[in-house]
C-alpha cells in the first residue's frame, strides 16, 4: 500500500489511502504522514485524513503534534486539519500565539479552525484574544475564515470585538464589525462591504 500512496495517478493514491483506513493498520502511520506533507490533490488529502482518524488517537495525536511543530507548511496545515477532526484535547498544547499568527495563510487558517475545536472549557476567552490579534489580516476569504472561527466561540468574543472596534486600524475595525454582525445573525452571511460602510458612517458621525 505504501507504493500506492506514491502512485502518479491520484485515483490510485486515493484507493491506497482508503485501503489503509479500512484495515486500520498502524504500520502505515509514517507513510500517511509523509504523504500528507506533499499530496497535491484535495480529495486524496481528505482520504489521508480519514485514514489517520481511523487509527488509534494515542498513536496518531503525538505524531500529528510533531508535524505541527516541525513540519513544512503543508504538513503542518494538514496535521492541524486532522487534529481538528480527531478532537482530542491533548492537542491543545500545540495551539500557541505564534501558530495562530503563522505567516503561512493555510497554516494559520487550519490553526484557527483547530483551536476552536480543541480549546478546553474555561480557555475560550484566552483564545478569543489570541484570535483577535489576526483581525484585519488578508483578503475576504481569509477574514471570513477567522470570523467563522471566532463566532464558533459564541458570546465570549464580544469584549474582544468591542476593543477591536475602537482600533486606529481601519481593517481591524471593519473586520471586527463584520464578525459582530455574523455573530448576531449567522444567517446573514459575512459582509466586509457592509461593515466598511457602517464603519465609514460611524467615522463620519464622529467627525461631525
C-alpha atoms as a PDB file:
ATOM      1  CA  UNK A   1       0.000   0.000   0.000  1.00  0.00           C
ATOM      2  CA  UNK A   2       2.959   2.321   0.545  1.00  0.00           C
ATOM      3  CA  UNK A   3       3.674   2.175  -3.182  1.00  0.00           C
ATOM      4  CA  UNK A   4       0.057   3.074  -3.894  1.00  0.00           C
ATOM      5  CA  UNK A   5       0.371   6.285  -1.893  1.00  0.00           C
ATOM      6  CA  UNK A   6       3.196   7.364  -4.210  1.00  0.00           C
ATOM      7  CA  UNK A   7       1.482   6.385  -7.465  1.00  0.00           C
ATOM      8  CA  UNK A   8       1.423   9.057 -10.185  1.00  0.00           C
ATOM      9  CA  UNK A   9      -2.345   8.588 -10.593  1.00  0.00           C
ATOM     10  CA  UNK A  10      -4.428  10.396  -7.976  1.00  0.00           C
ATOM     11  CA  UNK A  11      -7.174   7.741  -8.123  1.00  0.00           C
ATOM     12  CA  UNK A  12      -4.625   5.078  -7.228  1.00  0.00           C
ATOM     13  CA  UNK A  13      -3.404   7.171  -4.288  1.00  0.00           C
ATOM     14  CA  UNK A  14      -6.998   7.701  -3.168  1.00  0.00           C
ATOM     15  CA  UNK A  15      -7.621   3.945  -3.259  1.00  0.00           C
ATOM     16  CA  UNK A  16      -4.435   3.239  -1.298  1.00  0.00           C
ATOM     17  CA  UNK A  17      -5.458   5.694   1.441  1.00  0.00           C
ATOM     18  CA  UNK A  18      -8.942   4.141   1.524  1.00  0.00           C
ATOM     19  CA  UNK A  19      -7.457   0.658   1.889  1.00  0.00           C
ATOM     20  CA  UNK A  20      -5.185   1.775   4.736  1.00  0.00           C
ATOM     21  CA  UNK A  21      -8.083   3.416   6.533  1.00  0.00           C
ATOM     22  CA  UNK A  22     -10.183   0.314   6.097  1.00  0.00           C
ATOM     23  CA  UNK A  23      -7.530  -2.033   7.515  1.00  0.00           C
ATOM     24  CA  UNK A  24      -6.613   0.424  10.323  1.00  0.00           C
ATOM     25  CA  UNK A  25      -3.034  -0.832  10.310  1.00  0.00           C
ATOM     26  CA  UNK A  26      -0.633   1.308  12.381  1.00  0.00           C
ATOM     27  CA  UNK A  27       2.358   0.234  10.313  1.00  0.00           C
ATOM     28  CA  UNK A  28       1.229   2.749   7.676  1.00  0.00           C
ATOM     29  CA  UNK A  29       1.179   5.758  10.034  1.00  0.00           C
ATOM     30  CA  UNK A  30       4.532   7.096   8.851  1.00  0.00           C
ATOM     31  CA  UNK A  31       3.596   6.651   5.198  1.00  0.00           C
ATOM     32  CA  UNK A  32       0.310   8.519   5.689  1.00  0.00           C
ATOM     33  CA  UNK A  33       2.018  11.445   7.417  1.00  0.00           C
ATOM     34  CA  UNK A  34       4.737  11.618   4.778  1.00  0.00           C
ATOM     35  CA  UNK A  35       2.124  11.683   2.017  1.00  0.00           C
ATOM     36  CA  UNK A  36       0.117  14.407   3.768  1.00  0.00           C
ATOM     37  CA  UNK A  37       3.140  16.676   3.536  1.00  0.00           C
ATOM     38  CA  UNK A  38       3.339  16.509  -0.260  1.00  0.00           C
ATOM     39  CA  UNK A  39      -0.050  15.376  -1.635  1.00  0.00           C
ATOM     40  CA  UNK A  40      -1.326  17.934  -4.190  1.00  0.00           C
ATOM     41  CA  UNK A  41      -4.868  16.564  -4.635  1.00  0.00           C
ATOM     42  CA  UNK A  42      -7.518  17.813  -2.191  1.00  0.00           C
ATOM     43  CA  UNK A  43      -9.652  14.669  -2.333  1.00  0.00           C
ATOM     44  CA  UNK A  44      -6.653  12.463  -1.658  1.00  0.00           C
ATOM     45  CA  UNK A  45      -5.643  14.664   1.279  1.00  0.00           C
ATOM     46  CA  UNK A  46      -9.143  14.261   2.720  1.00  0.00           C
ATOM     47  CA  UNK A  47      -8.858  10.484   2.378  1.00  0.00           C
ATOM     48  CA  UNK A  48      -5.449  10.565   4.063  1.00  0.00           C
ATOM     49  CA  UNK A  49      -7.040  12.460   6.945  1.00  0.00           C
ATOM     50  CA  UNK A  50      -9.844   9.889   7.117  1.00  0.00           C
ATOM     51  CA  UNK A  51      -7.288   7.074   7.235  1.00  0.00           C
ATOM     52  CA  UNK A  52      -5.406   8.801  10.060  1.00  0.00           C
ATOM     53  CA  UNK A  53      -8.614   9.334  12.027  1.00  0.00           C
ATOM     54  CA  UNK A  54      -9.288   5.612  11.818  1.00  0.00           C
ATOM     55  CA  UNK A  55      -6.036   4.813  13.636  1.00  0.00           C
ATOM     56  CA  UNK A  56      -5.772   4.927  17.462  1.00  0.00           C
ATOM     57  CA  UNK A  57      -5.568   8.535  18.658  1.00  0.00           C
ATOM     58  CA  UNK A  58      -2.997   7.522  21.269  1.00  0.00           C
ATOM     59  CA  UNK A  59      -0.597   6.855  18.397  1.00  0.00           C
ATOM     60  CA  UNK A  60      -1.619   9.479  15.866  1.00  0.00           C
ATOM     61  CA  UNK A  61      -2.072  12.574  18.055  1.00  0.00           C
ATOM     62  CA  UNK A  62       1.548  12.734  19.339  1.00  0.00           C
ATOM     63  CA  UNK A  63       2.850  12.310  15.777  1.00  0.00           C
ATOM     64  CA  UNK A  64       0.492  14.961  14.434  1.00  0.00           C
ATOM     65  CA  UNK A  65       1.662  17.358  17.146  1.00  0.00           C
ATOM     66  CA  UNK A  66       5.233  16.731  15.985  1.00  0.00           C
ATOM     67  CA  UNK A  67       4.194  17.535  12.418  1.00  0.00           C
ATOM     68  CA  UNK A  68       2.652  20.841  13.543  1.00  0.00           C
ATOM     69  CA  UNK A  69       5.800  21.792  15.415  1.00  0.00           C
ATOM     70  CA  UNK A  70       8.473  20.693  12.964  1.00  0.00           C
ATOM     71  CA  UNK A  71       6.908  20.006   9.555  1.00  0.00           C
ATOM     72  CA  UNK A  72       6.747  22.104   6.416  1.00  0.00           C
ATOM     73  CA  UNK A  73       3.773  24.327   5.657  1.00  0.00           C
ATOM     74  CA  UNK A  74       1.556  21.678   4.049  1.00  0.00           C
ATOM     75  CA  UNK A  75       2.453  19.059   6.655  1.00  0.00           C
ATOM     76  CA  UNK A  76       1.547  21.481   9.440  1.00  0.00           C
ATOM     77  CA  UNK A  77      -1.706  22.605   7.841  1.00  0.00           C
ATOM     78  CA  UNK A  78      -2.810  19.045   7.165  1.00  0.00           C
ATOM     79  CA  UNK A  79      -1.837  17.887  10.657  1.00  0.00           C
ATOM     80  CA  UNK A  80      -3.899  20.678  12.205  1.00  0.00           C
ATOM     81  CA  UNK A  81      -6.827  19.781   9.970  1.00  0.00           C
ATOM     82  CA  UNK A  82      -6.583  16.159  11.089  1.00  0.00           C
ATOM     83  CA  UNK A  83      -6.317  17.131  14.766  1.00  0.00           C
ATOM     84  CA  UNK A  84      -9.491  19.185  14.403  1.00  0.00           C
ATOM     85  CA  UNK A  85     -11.252  16.055  13.142  1.00  0.00           C
ATOM     86  CA  UNK A  86      -9.909  13.780  15.893  1.00  0.00           C
ATOM     87  CA  UNK A  87     -10.933  16.346  18.543  1.00  0.00           C
ATOM     88  CA  UNK A  88      -8.508  15.048  21.179  1.00  0.00           C
ATOM     89  CA  UNK A  89      -7.946  17.990  23.515  1.00  0.00           C
ATOM     90  CA  UNK A  90      -4.477  16.702  24.368  1.00  0.00           C
ATOM     91  CA  UNK A  91      -3.534  18.514  21.149  1.00  0.00           C
ATOM     92  CA  UNK A  92      -4.423  21.919  22.647  1.00  0.00           C
ATOM     93  CA  UNK A  93      -0.803  22.189  23.795  1.00  0.00           C
ATOM     94  CA  UNK A  94       0.259  22.869  20.214  1.00  0.00           C
ATOM     95  CA  UNK A  95      -2.041  25.914  19.814  1.00  0.00           C
ATOM     96  CA  UNK A  96       0.252  28.859  20.541  1.00  0.00           C
ATOM     97  CA  UNK A  97       0.242  32.559  19.687  1.00  0.00           C
ATOM     98  CA  UNK A  98       2.988  32.126  17.059  1.00  0.00           C
ATOM     99  CA  UNK A  99       0.956  29.353  15.429  1.00  0.00           C
ATOM    100  CA  UNK A 100      -2.211  31.472  15.386  1.00  0.00           C
ATOM    101  CA  UNK A 101      -0.158  34.213  13.712  1.00  0.00           C
ATOM    102  CA  UNK A 102       1.780  31.889  11.382  1.00  0.00           C
ATOM    103  CA  UNK A 103       2.909  33.754   8.255  1.00  0.00           C
ATOM    104  CA  UNK A 104       1.640  30.940   6.025  1.00  0.00           C
ATOM    105  CA  UNK A 105      -2.066  31.615   5.443  1.00  0.00           C
ATOM    106  CA  UNK A 106      -3.097  27.973   5.158  1.00  0.00           C
ATOM    107  CA  UNK A 107      -1.287  27.040   8.365  1.00  0.00           C
ATOM    108  CA  UNK A 108      -2.909  29.961  10.169  1.00  0.00           C
ATOM    109  CA  UNK A 109      -6.403  29.134   8.884  1.00  0.00           C
ATOM    110  CA  UNK A 110      -6.009  25.496   9.891  1.00  0.00           C
ATOM    111  CA  UNK A 111      -4.788  26.611  13.310  1.00  0.00           C
ATOM    112  CA  UNK A 112      -7.839  28.850  13.801  1.00  0.00           C
ATOM    113  CA  UNK A 113     -10.238  26.063  12.917  1.00  0.00           C
ATOM    114  CA  UNK A 114      -8.432  23.528  15.093  1.00  0.00           C
ATOM    115  CA  UNK A 115      -8.178  25.931  18.025  1.00  0.00           C
ATOM    116  CA  UNK A 116     -11.917  26.437  18.418  1.00  0.00           C
ATOM    117  CA  UNK A 117     -12.456  22.668  18.392  1.00  0.00           C
ATOM    118  CA  UNK A 118      -9.653  21.834  20.829  1.00  0.00           C
ATOM    119  CA  UNK A 119      -9.966  24.730  23.305  1.00  0.00           C
ATOM    120  CA  UNK A 120     -10.540  23.465  26.867  1.00  0.00           C
ATOM    121  CA  UNK A 121     -13.536  24.717  28.792  1.00  0.00           C
ATOM    122  CA  UNK A 122     -12.553  27.951  30.524  1.00  0.00           C
ATOM    123  CA  UNK A 123      -9.905  28.950  27.974  1.00  0.00           C
ATOM    124  CA  UNK A 124     -12.278  30.352  25.361  1.00  0.00           C
ATOM    125  CA  UNK A 125     -11.647  33.962  26.434  1.00  0.00           C
ATOM    126  CA  UNK A 126      -7.890  33.493  26.133  1.00  0.00           C
ATOM    127  CA  UNK A 127      -8.351  32.006  22.672  1.00  0.00           C
ATOM    128  CA  UNK A 128     -10.628  34.882  21.616  1.00  0.00           C
ATOM    129  CA  UNK A 129      -7.876  37.361  22.479  1.00  0.00           C
ATOM    130  CA  UNK A 130      -5.289  35.308  20.571  1.00  0.00           C
ATOM    131  CA  UNK A 131      -7.514  35.087  17.504  1.00  0.00           C
ATOM    132  CA  UNK A 132      -8.359  38.784  17.802  1.00  0.00           C
ATOM    133  CA  UNK A 133      -4.743  39.674  17.051  1.00  0.00           C
ATOM    134  CA  UNK A 134      -5.383  38.488  13.478  1.00  0.00           C
ATOM    135  CA  UNK A 135      -8.344  40.762  12.742  1.00  0.00           C
ATOM    136  CA  UNK A 136      -7.792  42.659   9.505  1.00  0.00           C
ATOM    137  CA  UNK A 137      -5.418  40.051   8.111  1.00  0.00           C
ATOM    138  CA  UNK A 138      -5.597  39.114   4.445  1.00  0.00           C
ATOM    139  CA  UNK A 139      -8.346  39.291   1.858  1.00  0.00           C
ATOM    140  CA  UNK A 140     -12.045  38.464   2.210  1.00  0.00           C
ATOM    141  CA  UNK A 141     -11.754  34.657   2.301  1.00  0.00           C
ATOM    142  CA  UNK A 142      -9.001  34.787   4.896  1.00  0.00           C
ATOM    143  CA  UNK A 143     -11.021  37.197   7.030  1.00  0.00           C
ATOM    144  CA  UNK A 144     -14.163  35.095   6.687  1.00  0.00           C
ATOM    145  CA  UNK A 145     -12.247  32.056   7.971  1.00  0.00           C
ATOM    146  CA  UNK A 146     -11.187  33.953  11.073  1.00  0.00           C
ATOM    147  CA  UNK A 147     -14.669  35.353  11.662  1.00  0.00           C
ATOM    148  CA  UNK A 148     -16.232  31.899  11.416  1.00  0.00           C
ATOM    149  CA  UNK A 149     -13.702  30.563  13.923  1.00  0.00           C
ATOM    150  CA  UNK A 150     -14.422  33.440  16.292  1.00  0.00           C
ATOM    151  CA  UNK A 151     -18.188  33.090  16.003  1.00  0.00           C
ATOM    152  CA  UNK A 152     -17.846  29.415  16.940  1.00  0.00           C
ATOM    153  CA  UNK A 153     -16.726  30.646  20.383  1.00  0.00           C
ATOM    154  CA  UNK A 154     -20.049  32.462  20.854  1.00  0.00           C
ATOM    155  CA  UNK A 155     -20.610  35.500  23.073  1.00  0.00           C
ATOM    156  CA  UNK A 156     -17.165  35.004  24.620  1.00  0.00           C
ATOM    157  CA  UNK A 157     -15.733  37.100  21.781  1.00  0.00           C
ATOM    158  CA  UNK A 158     -17.820  40.220  22.475  1.00  0.00           C
ATOM    159  CA  UNK A 159     -15.342  42.012  24.807  1.00  0.00           C
ATOM    160  CA  UNK A 160     -12.537  41.475  22.301  1.00  0.00           C
ATOM    161  CA  UNK A 161     -14.701  42.762  19.439  1.00  0.00           C
ATOM    162  CA  UNK A 162     -15.652  45.890  21.392  1.00  0.00           C
ATOM    163  CA  UNK A 163     -11.990  46.668  21.941  1.00  0.00           C
ATOM    164  CA  UNK A 164     -11.142  45.999  18.283  1.00  0.00           C
ATOM    165  CA  UNK A 165     -13.989  48.293  17.200  1.00  0.00           C
ATOM    166  CA  UNK A 166     -12.036  51.274  18.581  1.00  0.00           C
ATOM    167  CA  UNK A 167      -8.777  50.359  16.827  1.00  0.00           C
ATOM    168  CA  UNK A 168      -6.993  53.027  14.813  1.00  0.00           C
ATOM    169  CA  UNK A 169      -6.520  50.412  12.072  1.00  0.00           C
ATOM    170  CA  UNK A 170      -9.464  50.612   9.669  1.00  0.00           C
ATOM    171  CA  UNK A 171      -9.018  46.996   8.527  1.00  0.00           C
ATOM    172  CA  UNK A 172      -9.227  45.785  12.129  1.00  0.00           C
ATOM    173  CA  UNK A 173     -12.331  47.874  12.863  1.00  0.00           C
ATOM    174  CA  UNK A 174     -14.100  46.735   9.723  1.00  0.00           C
ATOM    175  CA  UNK A 175     -13.262  43.076  10.285  1.00  0.00           C
ATOM    176  CA  UNK A 176     -14.449  43.322  13.889  1.00  0.00           C
ATOM    177  CA  UNK A 177     -17.705  44.865  12.679  1.00  0.00           C
ATOM    178  CA  UNK A 178     -18.274  42.138  10.112  1.00  0.00           C
ATOM    179  CA  UNK A 179     -17.571  39.495  12.754  1.00  0.00           C
ATOM    180  CA  UNK A 180     -20.009  41.072  15.198  1.00  0.00           C
ATOM    181  CA  UNK A 181     -22.711  41.167  12.509  1.00  0.00           C
ATOM    182  CA  UNK A 182     -22.085  37.481  11.783  1.00  0.00           C
ATOM    183  CA  UNK A 183     -22.289  36.675  15.491  1.00  0.00           C
ATOM    184  CA  UNK A 184     -25.625  38.487  15.807  1.00  0.00           C
ATOM    185  CA  UNK A 185     -27.093  36.978  12.652  1.00  0.00           C
ATOM    186  CA  UNK A 186     -25.222  33.919  11.316  1.00  0.00           C
ATOM    187  CA  UNK A 187     -27.761  33.528   8.503  1.00  0.00           C
ATOM    188  CA  UNK A 188     -26.945  36.967   7.115  1.00  0.00           C
ATOM    189  CA  UNK A 189     -23.530  35.854   5.913  1.00  0.00           C
ATOM    190  CA  UNK A 190     -20.150  37.565   6.092  1.00  0.00           C
ATOM    191  CA  UNK A 191     -20.073  41.051   4.565  1.00  0.00           C
ATOM    192  CA  UNK A 192     -16.920  43.147   4.699  1.00  0.00           C
ATOM    193  CA  UNK A 193     -18.564  45.633   2.307  1.00  0.00           C
ATOM    194  CA  UNK A 194     -21.430  46.322   4.698  1.00  0.00           C
ATOM    195  CA  UNK A 195     -19.075  46.541   7.680  1.00  0.00           C
ATOM    196  CA  UNK A 196     -16.907  49.015   5.775  1.00  0.00           C
ATOM    197  CA  UNK A 197     -19.964  51.139   5.022  1.00  0.00           C
ATOM    198  CA  UNK A 198     -21.059  51.116   8.663  1.00  0.00           C
ATOM    199  CA  UNK A 199     -17.535  51.985   9.804  1.00  0.00           C
ATOM    200  CA  UNK A 200     -17.363  54.896   7.366  1.00  0.00           C
ATOM    201  CA  UNK A 201     -20.687  56.242   8.603  1.00  0.00           C
ATOM    202  CA  UNK A 202     -19.502  55.917  12.192  1.00  0.00           C
ATOM    203  CA  UNK A 203     -16.304  57.817  11.448  1.00  0.00           C
ATOM    204  CA  UNK A 204     -18.298  60.494   9.666  1.00  0.00           C
ATOM    205  CA  UNK A 205     -20.704  60.877  12.588  1.00  0.00           C
ATOM    206  CA  UNK A 206     -17.801  61.213  14.994  1.00  0.00           C
ATOM    207  CA  UNK A 207     -16.182  63.861  12.847  1.00  0.00           C
ATOM    208  CA  UNK A 208     -19.429  65.782  12.693  1.00  0.00           C
END
